[in-house]
Amino acid sequence: MPELPEVETVRRGLADAMEGRRIEDVEVRRRDLRIPVPDDFAERLQGRTLERLGRRAKYLVGEFDDGTVLLAHLGMSGRMVIETPEDAAGMPGRFAHGTGAHGRHEHIVFRVGNGTVIRFSDPRRFGLMTLTDRAGLVDHPLIRHLGPEPTGDDFTGPVLAGLLQGRNTPIKSALLDQRVVAGLGNIYACEALFVAGISPRRKAATVQGARAARLADAVRGVLRDAIAAGGSSLRDHVAPTRELGYFQHSFKVYGRTGQPCPDCDCGGAIARIAQAGRSTFYCAARQR
């Protein structure tokens, strides 16, 4: 599943193509996504101008000129791909529309005022697109439970420590709880815990004081670096411009079972364990 850096990469690419532009046409080809696409989806967006495309956790949040808000989630395999007029003309070196599995699974197509087309494909149909309005956004059932965004300076050690108080689950599991940290997923939780030197087995409630400060800093830093690298392309992630992310080349622990612990002389090797049905990668010698 795309995690926060991948969704932020998608947001930035789409914002360049869509913000300030009128939606000329919306074609809904399939409605039975994770939640049904509203019957009036196309009608409400056609003719509207996208004023701002934001992000909340792993959700894209599009605000339109009439107060309508689009909430979109990529699910496990969703992609948003931009096709410019030059792409459609088949210029050399461009990717043609409709090739491969994603071309066969396009569910929603947006056409904007400058001739650009944005195609949402999702073979597994765990993604979603729905509508609300500005007044109902904060309390919308999809996002009202979400914890703080981990990319800003207001995500601090004391904030994280407060969220972890009384939690008896392992810290890795707590970090994946979207009520604790919004948008953080398995890859970046493993990487942040390594950077902070904290064992994924440690009880969450014990991550206080200096430990919480180190972990908050590590989360922000890992996410910042991953966003700068365009996210991690392991399975389905591709930017709207069809470029792959390359943060996977910077992984310190994720997927590196048996390899030496990087960046230190602890003599340990990366181990893999299962926690709550997810793979966790860490160095037992370095992380306490």
C-alpha atoms as a PDB file:
ATOM      1  CA  MET A   1       0.000   0.000   0.000  1.00  0.00           C
ATOM      2  CA  PRO A   2       1.322   3.487  -0.780  1.00  0.00           C
ATOM      3  CA  GLU A   3       2.408   5.205   2.425  1.00  0.00           C
ATOM      4  CA  LEU A   4       2.540   8.898   3.265  1.00  0.00           C
ATOM      5  CA  PRO A   5       5.614   9.763   1.117  1.00  0.00           C
ATOM      6  CA  GLU A   6       4.113   8.057  -1.922  1.00  0.00           C
ATOM      7  CA  VAL A   7       0.777   9.819  -1.462  1.00  0.00           C
ATOM      8  CA  GLU A   8       2.545  13.152  -1.004  1.00  0.00           C
ATOM      9  CA  THR A   9       4.481  12.517  -4.221  1.00  0.00           C
ATOM     10  CA  VAL A  10       1.204  11.842  -6.027  1.00  0.00           C
ATOM     11  CA  ARG A  11      -0.320  14.976  -4.517  1.00  0.00           C
ATOM     12  CA  ARG A  12       2.503  17.195  -5.713  1.00  0.00           C
ATOM     13  CA  GLY A  13       2.351  15.827  -9.234  1.00  0.00           C
ATOM     14  CA  LEU A  14      -1.413  16.224  -9.464  1.00  0.00           C
ATOM     15  CA  ALA A  15      -1.335  19.709  -7.936  1.00  0.00           C
ATOM     16  CA  ASP A  16       0.963  20.911 -10.702  1.00  0.00           C
ATOM     17  CA  ALA A  17      -1.484  19.634 -13.312  1.00  0.00           C
ATOM     18  CA  MET A  18      -4.837  20.404 -11.682  1.00  0.00           C
ATOM     19  CA  GLU A  19      -4.719  23.286  -9.203  1.00  0.00           C
ATOM     20  CA  GLY A  20      -6.401  26.425 -10.508  1.00  0.00           C
ATOM     21  CA  ARG A  21      -7.886  24.572 -13.453  1.00  0.00           C
ATOM     22  CA  ARG A  22     -11.473  23.796 -14.397  1.00  0.00           C
ATOM     23  CA  ILE A  23     -12.678  20.219 -14.516  1.00  0.00           C
ATOM     24  CA  GLU A  24     -14.147  19.973 -18.002  1.00  0.00           C
ATOM     25  CA  ASP A  25     -15.354  16.391 -17.808  1.00  0.00           C
ATOM     26  CA  VAL A  26     -15.452  13.446 -15.389  1.00  0.00           C
ATOM     27  CA  GLU A  27     -16.054   9.903 -16.581  1.00  0.00           C
ATOM     28  CA  VAL A  28     -16.930   7.280 -13.971  1.00  0.00           C
ATOM     29  CA  ARG A  29     -16.402   3.853 -15.483  1.00  0.00           C
ATOM     30  CA  ARG A  30     -16.837   1.786 -12.344  1.00  0.00           C
ATOM     31  CA  ARG A  31     -18.470   2.693  -9.044  1.00  0.00           C
ATOM     32  CA  ASP A  32     -17.914  -0.389  -6.873  1.00  0.00           C
ATOM     33  CA  LEU A  33     -14.658   0.645  -5.247  1.00  0.00           C
ATOM     34  CA  ARG A  34     -13.926   0.280  -1.521  1.00  0.00           C
ATOM     35  CA  ILE A  35     -16.930   2.466  -0.948  1.00  0.00           C
ATOM     36  CA  PRO A  36     -19.310   3.187  -3.842  1.00  0.00           C
ATOM     37  CA  VAL A  37     -18.540   6.254  -5.935  1.00  0.00           C
ATOM     38  CA  PRO A  38     -21.453   8.701  -5.359  1.00  0.00           C
ATOM     39  CA  ASP A  39     -24.107   8.694  -8.081  1.00  0.00           C
ATOM     40  CA  ASP A  40     -23.709  12.462  -8.557  1.00  0.00           C
ATOM     41  CA  PHE A  41     -19.880  12.373  -8.510  1.00  0.00           C
ATOM     42  CA  ALA A  42     -19.354  13.541 -12.086  1.00  0.00           C
ATOM     43  CA  GLU A  43     -22.221  16.033 -11.989  1.00  0.00           C
ATOM     44  CA  ARG A  44     -20.853  17.777  -8.879  1.00  0.00           C
ATOM     45  CA  LEU A  45     -17.286  18.117 -10.181  1.00  0.00           C
ATOM     46  CA  GLN A  46     -17.823  18.993 -13.851  1.00  0.00           C
ATOM     47  CA  GLY A  47     -17.415  22.725 -14.386  1.00  0.00           C
ATOM     48  CA  ARG A  48     -15.795  23.270 -10.991  1.00  0.00           C
ATOM     49  CA  THR A  49     -12.282  24.651 -10.444  1.00  0.00           C
ATOM     50  CA  LEU A  50      -9.859  22.848  -8.141  1.00  0.00           C
ATOM     51  CA  GLU A  51      -8.563  25.539  -5.800  1.00  0.00           C
ATOM     52  CA  ARG A  52      -6.270  23.385  -3.678  1.00  0.00           C
ATOM     53  CA  LEU A  53      -5.122  19.783  -3.545  1.00  0.00           C
ATOM     54  CA  GLY A  54      -4.002  18.826  -0.060  1.00  0.00           C
ATOM     55  CA  ARG A  55      -3.346  15.665   1.885  1.00  0.00           C
ATOM     56  CA  ARG A  56      -4.531  14.249   5.193  1.00  0.00           C
ATOM     57  CA  ALA A  57      -2.590  11.135   6.203  1.00  0.00           C
ATOM     58  CA  LYS A  58      -2.915   8.856   3.139  1.00  0.00           C
ATOM     59  CA  TYR A  59      -5.928  10.702   1.723  1.00  0.00           C
ATOM     60  CA  LEU A  60      -5.834  13.246  -1.083  1.00  0.00           C
ATOM     61  CA  VAL A  61      -8.092  16.205  -0.295  1.00  0.00           C
ATOM     62  CA  GLY A  62      -9.261  18.322  -3.225  1.00  0.00           C
ATOM     63  CA  GLU A  63     -11.052  21.602  -2.432  1.00  0.00           C
ATOM     64  CA  PHE A  64     -13.214  23.077  -5.191  1.00  0.00           C
ATOM     65  CA  ASP A  65     -14.499  26.599  -5.773  1.00  0.00           C
ATOM     66  CA  ASP A  66     -18.047  25.814  -4.640  1.00  0.00           C
ATOM     67  CA  GLY A  67     -17.003  24.239  -1.316  1.00  0.00           C
ATOM     68  CA  THR A  68     -17.138  20.651  -2.557  1.00  0.00           C
ATOM     69  CA  VAL A  69     -14.308  18.466  -1.253  1.00  0.00           C
ATOM     70  CA  LEU A  70     -12.987  15.350  -2.964  1.00  0.00           C
ATOM     71  CA  LEU A  71     -11.544  12.626  -0.711  1.00  0.00           C
ATOM     72  CA  ALA A  72      -9.431  10.033  -2.516  1.00  0.00           C
ATOM     73  CA  HIS A  73      -7.407   7.042  -1.309  1.00  0.00           C
ATOM     74  CA  LEU A  74      -5.159   4.908  -3.506  1.00  0.00           C
ATOM     75  CA  GLY A  75      -5.776   1.696  -1.583  1.00  0.00           C
ATOM     76  CA  MET A  76      -3.366  -1.163  -2.238  1.00  0.00           C
ATOM     77  CA  SER A  77      -2.771  -0.748  -5.956  1.00  0.00           C
ATOM     78  CA  GLY A  78      -4.228   2.584  -7.059  1.00  0.00           C
ATOM     79  CA  ARG A  79      -2.493   5.014  -9.400  1.00  0.00           C
ATOM     80  CA  MET A  80      -3.238   8.505 -10.626  1.00  0.00           C
ATOM     81  CA  VAL A  81      -1.503   9.056 -13.971  1.00  0.00           C
ATOM     82  CA  ILE A  82      -1.312  12.314 -15.914  1.00  0.00           C
ATOM     83  CA  GLU A  83      -1.656  12.321 -19.692  1.00  0.00           C
ATOM     84  CA  THR A  84      -0.766  15.617 -21.330  1.00  0.00           C
ATOM     85  CA  PRO A  85      -1.837  16.581 -24.866  1.00  0.00           C
ATOM     86  CA  GLU A  86       1.706  15.684 -25.943  1.00  0.00           C
ATOM     87  CA  ASP A  87       1.308  12.186 -24.480  1.00  0.00           C
ATOM     88  CA  ALA A  88      -1.959  11.709 -26.340  1.00  0.00           C
ATOM     89  CA  ALA A  89      -0.238  12.728 -29.580  1.00  0.00           C
ATOM     90  CA  GLY A  90       2.275   9.917 -29.066  1.00  0.00           C
ATOM     91  CA  MET A  91       5.397  12.026 -28.848  1.00  0.00           C
ATOM     92  CA  PRO A  92       8.629   9.967 -28.775  1.00  0.00           C
ATOM     93  CA  GLY A  93       9.702   8.797 -25.353  1.00  0.00           C
ATOM     94  CA  ARG A  94       6.242   9.181 -23.773  1.00  0.00           C
ATOM     95  CA  PHE A  95       4.124   6.375 -22.348  1.00  0.00           C
ATOM     96  CA  ALA A  96       0.993   5.553 -24.304  1.00  0.00           C
ATOM     97  CA  HIS A  97      -2.349   5.458 -22.536  1.00  0.00           C
ATOM     98  CA  GLY A  98      -3.974   2.115 -21.964  1.00  0.00           C
ATOM     99  CA  THR A  99      -0.917  -0.115 -21.890  1.00  0.00           C
ATOM    100  CA  GLY A 100      -0.571  -2.742 -19.180  1.00  0.00           C
ATOM    101  CA  ALA A 101      -2.850  -3.818 -16.348  1.00  0.00           C
ATOM    102  CA  HIS A 102      -3.607  -0.316 -15.112  1.00  0.00           C
ATOM    103  CA  GLY A 103      -4.948   0.717 -18.516  1.00  0.00           C
ATOM    104  CA  ARG A 104      -7.478  -2.111 -18.247  1.00  0.00           C
ATOM    105  CA  HIS A 105      -8.556  -1.050 -14.769  1.00  0.00           C
ATOM    106  CA  GLU A 106      -9.242   2.672 -15.158  1.00  0.00           C
ATOM    107  CA  HIS A 107     -12.244   3.548 -13.054  1.00  0.00           C
ATOM    108  CA  ILE A 108     -12.389   7.369 -13.103  1.00  0.00           C
ATOM    109  CA  VAL A 109     -11.039   9.798 -15.708  1.00  0.00           C
ATOM    110  CA  PHE A 110     -10.748  13.580 -15.210  1.00  0.00           C
ATOM    111  CA  ARG A 111     -10.249  16.005 -18.095  1.00  0.00           C
ATOM    112  CA  VAL A 112      -9.055  19.475 -17.090  1.00  0.00           C
ATOM    113  CA  GLY A 113      -9.092  22.808 -18.873  1.00  0.00           C
ATOM    114  CA  ASN A 114      -5.635  22.697 -20.424  1.00  0.00           C
ATOM    115  CA  GLY A 115      -6.273  19.417 -22.224  1.00  0.00           C
ATOM    116  CA  THR A 116      -4.648  17.259 -19.565  1.00  0.00           C
ATOM    117  CA  VAL A 117      -6.268  13.967 -18.579  1.00  0.00           C
ATOM    118  CA  ILE A 118      -5.876  12.341 -15.155  1.00  0.00           C
ATOM    119  CA  ARG A 119      -6.635   8.641 -15.009  1.00  0.00           C
ATOM    120  CA  PHE A 120      -7.349   6.760 -11.768  1.00  0.00           C
ATOM    121  CA  SER A 121      -6.728   3.034 -12.058  1.00  0.00           C
ATOM    122  CA  ASP A 122      -6.924   0.430  -9.321  1.00  0.00           C
ATOM    123  CA  PRO A 123      -6.811  -3.287 -10.225  1.00  0.00           C
ATOM    124  CA  ARG A 124      -7.705  -4.446  -6.716  1.00  0.00           C
ATOM    125  CA  ARG A 125     -10.368  -1.760  -6.133  1.00  0.00           C
ATOM    126  CA  PHE A 126      -9.388  -1.065  -2.510  1.00  0.00           C
ATOM    127  CA  GLY A 127      -9.064   2.625  -3.297  1.00  0.00           C
ATOM    128  CA  LEU A 128     -11.888   5.123  -3.131  1.00  0.00           C
ATOM    129  CA  MET A 129     -13.178   8.490  -4.260  1.00  0.00           C
ATOM    130  CA  THR A 130     -16.008  10.229  -2.499  1.00  0.00           C
ATOM    131  CA  LEU A 131     -17.320  13.735  -1.933  1.00  0.00           C
ATOM    132  CA  THR A 132     -18.054  15.912   1.071  1.00  0.00           C
ATOM    133  CA  ASP A 133     -17.870  19.653   1.729  1.00  0.00           C
ATOM    134  CA  ARG A 134     -15.638  21.957   3.734  1.00  0.00           C
ATOM    135  CA  ALA A 135     -18.060  22.090   6.652  1.00  0.00           C
ATOM    136  CA  GLY A 136     -18.172  18.314   6.951  1.00  0.00           C
ATOM    137  CA  LEU A 137     -14.535  17.546   6.277  1.00  0.00           C
ATOM    138  CA  VAL A 138     -13.149  17.575   9.832  1.00  0.00           C
ATOM    139  CA  ASP A 139     -15.839  15.213  11.104  1.00  0.00           C
ATOM    140  CA  HIS A 140     -15.959  12.977   8.042  1.00  0.00           C
ATOM    141  CA  PRO A 141     -15.969   9.279   9.083  1.00  0.00           C
ATOM    142  CA  LEU A 142     -12.894   8.536   6.969  1.00  0.00           C
ATOM    143  CA  ILE A 143     -10.626  11.058   8.673  1.00  0.00           C
ATOM    144  CA  ARG A 144     -12.112  12.196  11.983  1.00  0.00           C
ATOM    145  CA  HIS A 145     -10.193   9.528  13.934  1.00  0.00           C
ATOM    146  CA  LEU A 146      -6.763  10.364  12.505  1.00  0.00           C
ATOM    147  CA  GLY A 147      -3.881  11.414  14.722  1.00  0.00           C
ATOM    148  CA  PRO A 148      -1.419  14.240  14.080  1.00  0.00           C
ATOM    149  CA  GLU A 149       0.421  14.644  10.804  1.00  0.00           C
ATOM    150  CA  PRO A 150       4.022  13.487  11.335  1.00  0.00           C
ATOM    151  CA  THR A 151       5.722  15.757   8.795  1.00  0.00           C
ATOM    152  CA  GLY A 152       5.446  19.114  10.533  1.00  0.00           C
ATOM    153  CA  ASP A 153       7.377  20.770  13.337  1.00  0.00           C
ATOM    154  CA  ASP A 154       4.366  20.404  15.646  1.00  0.00           C
ATOM    155  CA  PHE A 155       4.926  16.631  15.718  1.00  0.00           C
ATOM    156  CA  THR A 156       7.302  16.696  18.675  1.00  0.00           C
ATOM    157  CA  GLY A 157       8.602  14.362  21.350  1.00  0.00           C
ATOM    158  CA  PRO A 158       6.117  15.562  23.993  1.00  0.00           C
ATOM    159  CA  VAL A 159       3.211  15.193  21.536  1.00  0.00           C
ATOM    160  CA  LEU A 160       4.246  11.643  20.667  1.00  0.00           C
ATOM    161  CA  ALA A 161       4.896  10.753  24.304  1.00  0.00           C
ATOM    162  CA  GLY A 162       1.399  11.876  25.233  1.00  0.00           C
ATOM    163  CA  LEU A 163      -0.143   9.726  22.518  1.00  0.00           C
ATOM    164  CA  LEU A 164       1.813   6.674  23.690  1.00  0.00           C
ATOM    165  CA  GLN A 165       0.983   6.939  27.383  1.00  0.00           C
ATOM    166  CA  GLY A 166      -0.765   3.852  28.701  1.00  0.00           C
ATOM    167  CA  ARG A 167      -0.314   1.848  25.502  1.00  0.00           C
ATOM    168  CA  ASN A 168       0.862  -1.687  26.204  1.00  0.00           C
ATOM    169  CA  THR A 169       1.309  -2.681  22.560  1.00  0.00           C
ATOM    170  CA  PRO A 170       4.781  -2.812  20.983  1.00  0.00           C
ATOM    171  CA  ILE A 171       5.926   0.587  19.757  1.00  0.00           C
ATOM    172  CA  LYS A 172       5.968  -0.614  16.141  1.00  0.00           C
ATOM    173  CA  SER A 173       2.268  -1.536  16.352  1.00  0.00           C
ATOM    174  CA  ALA A 174       1.455   1.774  18.022  1.00  0.00           C
ATOM    175  CA  LEU A 175       3.145   3.719  15.215  1.00  0.00           C
ATOM    176  CA  LEU A 176       0.945   1.934  12.662  1.00  0.00           C
ATOM    177  CA  ASP A 177      -2.200   2.943  14.559  1.00  0.00           C
ATOM    178  CA  GLN A 178      -3.540   5.851  12.510  1.00  0.00           C
ATOM    179  CA  ARG A 179      -5.036   7.353  15.659  1.00  0.00           C
ATOM    180  CA  VAL A 180      -1.475   7.816  16.974  1.00  0.00           C
ATOM    181  CA  VAL A 181       0.358   8.925  13.838  1.00  0.00           C
ATOM    182  CA  ALA A 182      -1.553   9.756  10.668  1.00  0.00           C
ATOM    183  CA  GLY A 183      -0.198   8.207   7.489  1.00  0.00           C
ATOM    184  CA  LEU A 184       2.793   6.302   8.860  1.00  0.00           C
ATOM    185  CA  GLY A 185       3.078   2.798   7.405  1.00  0.00           C
ATOM    186  CA  ASN A 186       5.164  -0.322   7.815  1.00  0.00           C
ATOM    187  CA  ILE A 187       8.218   0.672   5.782  1.00  0.00           C
ATOM    188  CA  TYR A 188       8.773   4.044   7.399  1.00  0.00           C
ATOM    189  CA  ALA A 189       7.955   2.834  10.921  1.00  0.00           C
ATOM    190  CA  CYS A 190      10.765   0.252  10.592  1.00  0.00           C
ATOM    191  CA  GLU A 191      13.171   2.837   9.222  1.00  0.00           C
ATOM    192  CA  ALA A 192      12.344   5.466  11.861  1.00  0.00           C
ATOM    193  CA  LEU A 193      12.730   3.021  14.751  1.00  0.00           C
ATOM    194  CA  PHE A 194      16.161   2.071  13.436  1.00  0.00           C
ATOM    195  CA  VAL A 195      17.261   5.688  13.150  1.00  0.00           C
ATOM    196  CA  ALA A 196      16.003   6.366  16.693  1.00  0.00           C
ATOM    197  CA  GLY A 197      17.706   3.241  18.076  1.00  0.00           C
ATOM    198  CA  ILE A 198      14.449   1.929  19.550  1.00  0.00           C
ATOM    199  CA  SER A 199      13.473  -1.740  19.456  1.00  0.00           C
ATOM    200  CA  PRO A 200      10.164  -2.435  17.692  1.00  0.00           C
ATOM    201  CA  ARG A 201       9.411  -4.839  20.565  1.00  0.00           C
ATOM    202  CA  ARG A 202       9.617  -2.112  23.221  1.00  0.00           C
ATOM    203  CA  LYS A 203       6.340  -1.370  24.990  1.00  0.00           C
ATOM    204  CA  ALA A 204       4.902   1.828  23.526  1.00  0.00           C
ATOM    205  CA  ALA A 205       4.176   3.372  26.919  1.00  0.00           C
ATOM    206  CA  THR A 206       7.886   3.317  27.765  1.00  0.00           C
ATOM    207  CA  VAL A 207       8.771   5.587  24.843  1.00  0.00           C
ATOM    208  CA  GLN A 208       8.838   8.839  26.775  1.00  0.00           C
ATOM    209  CA  GLY A 209      11.199  11.765  27.298  1.00  0.00           C
ATOM    210  CA  ALA A 210      14.402  11.553  25.259  1.00  0.00           C
ATOM    211  CA  ARG A 211      13.281   8.360  23.516  1.00  0.00           C
ATOM    212  CA  ALA A 212      10.092  10.001  22.297  1.00  0.00           C
ATOM    213  CA  ALA A 213      12.039  13.047  21.125  1.00  0.00           C
ATOM    214  CA  ARG A 214      14.475  10.856  19.167  1.00  0.00           C
ATOM    215  CA  LEU A 215      11.630   8.916  17.615  1.00  0.00           C
ATOM    216  CA  ALA A 216       9.627  11.999  16.617  1.00  0.00           C
ATOM    217  CA  ASP A 217      12.751  13.475  15.011  1.00  0.00           C
ATOM    218  CA  ALA A 218      13.448  10.189  13.236  1.00  0.00           C
ATOM    219  CA  VAL A 219       9.894   9.916  11.880  1.00  0.00           C
ATOM    220  CA  ARG A 220      10.010  13.453  10.507  1.00  0.00           C
ATOM    221  CA  GLY A 221      13.475  12.962   9.043  1.00  0.00           C
ATOM    222  CA  VAL A 222      12.744   9.616   7.366  1.00  0.00           C
ATOM    223  CA  LEU A 223       9.509  10.936   5.855  1.00  0.00           C
ATOM    224  CA  ARG A 224      11.232  14.128   4.673  1.00  0.00           C
ATOM    225  CA  ASP A 225      13.961  12.142   2.930  1.00  0.00           C
ATOM    226  CA  ALA A 226      11.479   9.694   1.417  1.00  0.00           C
ATOM    227  CA  ILE A 227       9.323  12.501   0.012  1.00  0.00           C
ATOM    228  CA  ALA A 228      12.405  14.141  -1.481  1.00  0.00           C
ATOM    229  CA  ALA A 229      13.196  10.805  -3.182  1.00  0.00           C
ATOM    230  CA  GLY A 230       9.693  10.468  -4.615  1.00  0.00           C
ATOM    231  CA  GLY A 231       8.727   7.702  -2.212  1.00  0.00           C
ATOM    232  CA  SER A 232       9.520   4.006  -2.526  1.00  0.00           C
ATOM    233  CA  SER A 233       8.603   2.030  -5.650  1.00  0.00           C
ATOM    234  CA  LEU A 234       8.347  -1.586  -4.520  1.00  0.00           C
ATOM    235  CA  ARG A 235       5.158  -2.799  -6.208  1.00  0.00           C
ATOM    236  CA  ASP A 236       2.561  -0.378  -7.495  1.00  0.00           C
ATOM    237  CA  HIS A 237       3.797   3.102  -6.665  1.00  0.00           C
ATOM    238  CA  VAL A 238       4.488   5.411  -9.564  1.00  0.00           C
ATOM    239  CA  ALA A 239       4.245   9.194  -9.606  1.00  0.00           C
ATOM    240  CA  PRO A 240       1.524  10.804 -11.741  1.00  0.00           C
ATOM    241  CA  THR A 241       4.293  11.677 -14.219  1.00  0.00           C
ATOM    242  CA  ARG A 242       5.086   7.925 -14.410  1.00  0.00           C
ATOM    243  CA  GLU A 243       8.408   8.360 -12.633  1.00  0.00           C
ATOM    244  CA  LEU A 244       9.432   5.788 -10.038  1.00  0.00           C
ATOM    245  CA  GLY A 245      10.443   6.688  -6.504  1.00  0.00           C
ATOM    246  CA  TYR A 246      13.930   5.706  -5.405  1.00  0.00           C
ATOM    247  CA  PHE A 247      13.938   5.824  -1.592  1.00  0.00           C
ATOM    248  CA  GLN A 248      14.025   2.000  -1.601  1.00  0.00           C
ATOM    249  CA  HIS A 249      17.707   2.328  -2.447  1.00  0.00           C
ATOM    250  CA  SER A 250      18.225   4.089   0.897  1.00  0.00           C
ATOM    251  CA  PHE A 251      16.538   1.529   3.149  1.00  0.00           C
ATOM    252  CA  LYS A 252      18.618   0.820   6.226  1.00  0.00           C
ATOM    253  CA  VAL A 253      16.611  -2.156   7.531  1.00  0.00           C
ATOM    254  CA  TYR A 254      13.449  -2.743   5.521  1.00  0.00           C
ATOM    255  CA  GLY A 255      13.776  -5.910   3.436  1.00  0.00           C
ATOM    256  CA  ARG A 256      17.466  -6.363   4.397  1.00  0.00           C
ATOM    257  CA  THR A 257      17.199  -9.551   6.468  1.00  0.00           C
ATOM    258  CA  GLY A 258      20.615 -11.024   7.278  1.00  0.00           C
ATOM    259  CA  GLN A 259      22.603  -8.071   5.981  1.00  0.00           C
ATOM    260  CA  PRO A 260      25.027  -6.210   8.281  1.00  0.00           C
ATOM    261  CA  CYS A 261      23.657  -3.355  10.337  1.00  0.00           C
ATOM    262  CA  PRO A 262      24.470  -0.175   8.396  1.00  0.00           C
ATOM    263  CA  ASP A 263      26.058   3.005   9.709  1.00  0.00           C
ATOM    264  CA  CYS A 264      27.498   1.478  12.871  1.00  0.00           C
ATOM    265  CA  ASP A 265      29.969  -1.098  14.189  1.00  0.00           C
ATOM    266  CA  CYS A 266      27.575  -2.982  16.467  1.00  0.00           C
ATOM    267  CA  GLY A 267      28.364  -6.240  14.692  1.00  0.00           C
ATOM    268  CA  GLY A 268      24.687  -7.107  14.368  1.00  0.00           C
ATOM    269  CA  ALA A 269      22.658  -8.168  11.364  1.00  0.00           C
ATOM    270  CA  ILE A 270      19.184  -7.157  10.287  1.00  0.00           C
ATOM    271  CA  ALA A 271      16.513  -9.544  11.577  1.00  0.00           C
ATOM    272  CA  ARG A 272      12.933 -10.035  10.474  1.00  0.00           C
ATOM    273  CA  ILE A 273      10.080 -10.769  12.868  1.00  0.00           C
ATOM    274  CA  ALA A 274       6.303 -10.734  12.461  1.00  0.00           C
ATOM    275  CA  GLN A 275       4.240  -8.258  14.476  1.00  0.00           C
ATOM    276  CA  ALA A 276       0.478  -8.086  14.116  1.00  0.00           C
ATOM    277  CA  GLY A 277       0.726  -9.851  10.788  1.00  0.00           C
ATOM    278  CA  ARG A 278       3.330  -7.435   9.383  1.00  0.00           C
ATOM    279  CA  SER A 279       7.026  -7.939   8.753  1.00  0.00           C
ATOM    280  CA  THR A 280       9.315  -5.924  11.008  1.00  0.00           C
ATOM    281  CA  PHE A 281      12.990  -5.413  10.200  1.00  0.00           C
ATOM    282  CA  TYR A 282      15.467  -4.239  12.843  1.00  0.00           C
ATOM    283  CA  CYS A 283      18.885  -4.660  14.419  1.00  0.00           C
ATOM    284  CA  ALA A 284      18.621  -6.184  17.888  1.00  0.00           C
ATOM    285  CA  ALA A 285      22.151  -5.032  18.770  1.00  0.00           C
ATOM    286  CA  ARG A 286      21.537  -1.377  17.951  1.00  0.00           C
ATOM    287  CA  GLN A 287      17.859  -0.990  18.814  1.00  0.00           C
ATOM    288  CA  ARG A 288      16.915  -1.214  22.494  1.00  0.00           C
END
